[in-house]
Protein backbone atom coordinates (compact mmCIF):
# COMPACT_ATOMS: atom_id res chain seq x y z
CA UNK A 1 0.71 -3.98 -4.24
CA UNK A 2 -1.21 -0.40 -4.75
CA UNK A 3 -4.30 -1.83 -2.77
CA UNK A 4 -2.28 -2.23 0.21
CA UNK A 5 -0.88 1.29 -0.26
CA UNK A 6 -3.69 2.59 -0.73
CA UNK A 7 -5.14 0.74 2.74
CA UNK A 8 -2.11 2.45 4.75
CA UNK A 9 -3.98 6.29 4.48
CA UNK A 10 -1.12 8.33 3.27
CA UNK A 11 -2.37 9.45 0.08
CA UNK A 12 0.67 11.63 -0.31
CA UNK A 13 3.01 8.61 0.23
CA UNK A 14 0.97 6.84 -2.48
CA UNK A 15 1.42 9.13 -4.69
CA UNK A 16 4.94 9.43 -4.71
CA UNK A 17 5.51 5.15 -4.59
CA UNK A 18 3.31 6.03 -7.98
CA UNK A 19 5.56 8.28 -9.42
CA UNK A 20 8.38 5.83 -8.44
CA UNK A 21 6.20 2.74 -10.22
CA UNK A 22 6.21 4.98 -13.58
CA UNK A 23 9.67 5.57 -13.79
CA UNK A 24 10.71 1.90 -13.34
CA UNK A 25 7.66 0.32 -15.13
CA UNK A 26 9.91 -0.30 -18.12
CA UNK A 27 12.44 -1.57 -16.00
CA UNK A 28 9.79 -4.07 -14.43
CA UNK A 29 8.95 -5.84 -17.73
CA UNK A 30 12.22 -7.76 -17.58
CA UNK A 31 11.08 -9.45 -14.68
CA UNK A 32 8.50 -11.08 -17.32
CA UNK A 33 11.43 -13.14 -18.70
CA UNK A 34 12.92 -13.88 -15.23
CA UNK A 35 12.14 -17.75 -14.30
CA UNK A 36 13.30 -16.76 -11.09
CA UNK A 37 11.92 -14.11 -9.91
CA UNK A 38 8.24 -15.43 -10.68
CA UNK A 39 9.17 -18.39 -7.69
CA UNK A 40 9.94 -15.74 -5.28
CA UNK A 41 7.25 -13.15 -5.71
CA UNK A 42 4.41 -15.68 -5.75
CA UNK A 43 5.87 -16.30 -2.51
CA UNK A 44 6.49 -13.39 -1.00
CA UNK A 45 2.23 -12.34 -2.15
CA UNK A 46 1.07 -15.45 -0.53
CA UNK A 47 3.10 -14.11 2.55
CA UNK A 48 1.46 -10.74 1.84
CA UNK A 49 -2.06 -12.04 1.38
CA UNK A 50 -1.76 -14.21 4.67
CA UNK A 51 -0.55 -11.06 6.44
CA UNK A 52 -3.82 -9.28 5.66
CA UNK A 53 -5.84 -12.07 6.50
CA UNK A 54 -4.32 -12.38 10.03
CA UNK A 55 -4.14 -8.30 10.17
CA UNK A 56 -0.43 -8.80 11.31
CA UNK A 57 0.62 -5.20 10.09
CA UNK A 58 4.20 -5.97 10.79
CA UNK A 59 4.20 -9.30 8.28
CA UNK A 60 2.77 -7.71 5.69
CA UNK A 61 5.39 -4.79 5.96
CA UNK A 62 8.50 -7.09 5.70
CA UNK A 63 7.10 -9.18 3.38
CA UNK A 64 6.32 -5.97 1.03
CA UNK A 65 9.99 -4.66 1.74
CA UNK A 66 10.80 -8.16 0.90
CA UNK A 67 9.32 -8.31 -2.34
CA UNK A 68 10.51 -4.93 -3.35
CA UNK A 69 14.40 -5.54 -2.37
CA UNK A 70 13.83 -9.01 -4.34
CA UNK A 71 12.38 -7.64 -7.35
CA UNK A 72 15.56 -4.75 -7.54
CA UNK A 73 18.12 -6.96 -6.78
CA UNK A 74 17.23 -9.19 -9.88
CA UNK A 75 16.49 -6.07 -11.74
CA UNK A 76 20.13 -4.59 -11.18
CA UNK A 77 21.67 -8.04 -12.79
CA UNK A 78 20.01 -6.60 -15.88
CA UNK A 79 20.55 -2.78 -15.51
CA UNK A 80 23.43 -1.20 -18.25
CA UNK A 81 26.66 -0.41 -16.17
């Protein structure tokens, strides 16, 4: 993910994303034990790689957004009320 973010050439945004990842990192460990998420994430990562190879910026953005959205939906199931 960070290679994609860095390629955007927006250092301030990259720094902001890094800070967000630092705050969500402990929660992301929960995904390691979530079997359903691995299949979803792998599929989206394949789409991201294909979009990069095809230089399809719109498909790449959509795949990154979907990957993050899917992860957040799974995490929401595990967060305390």
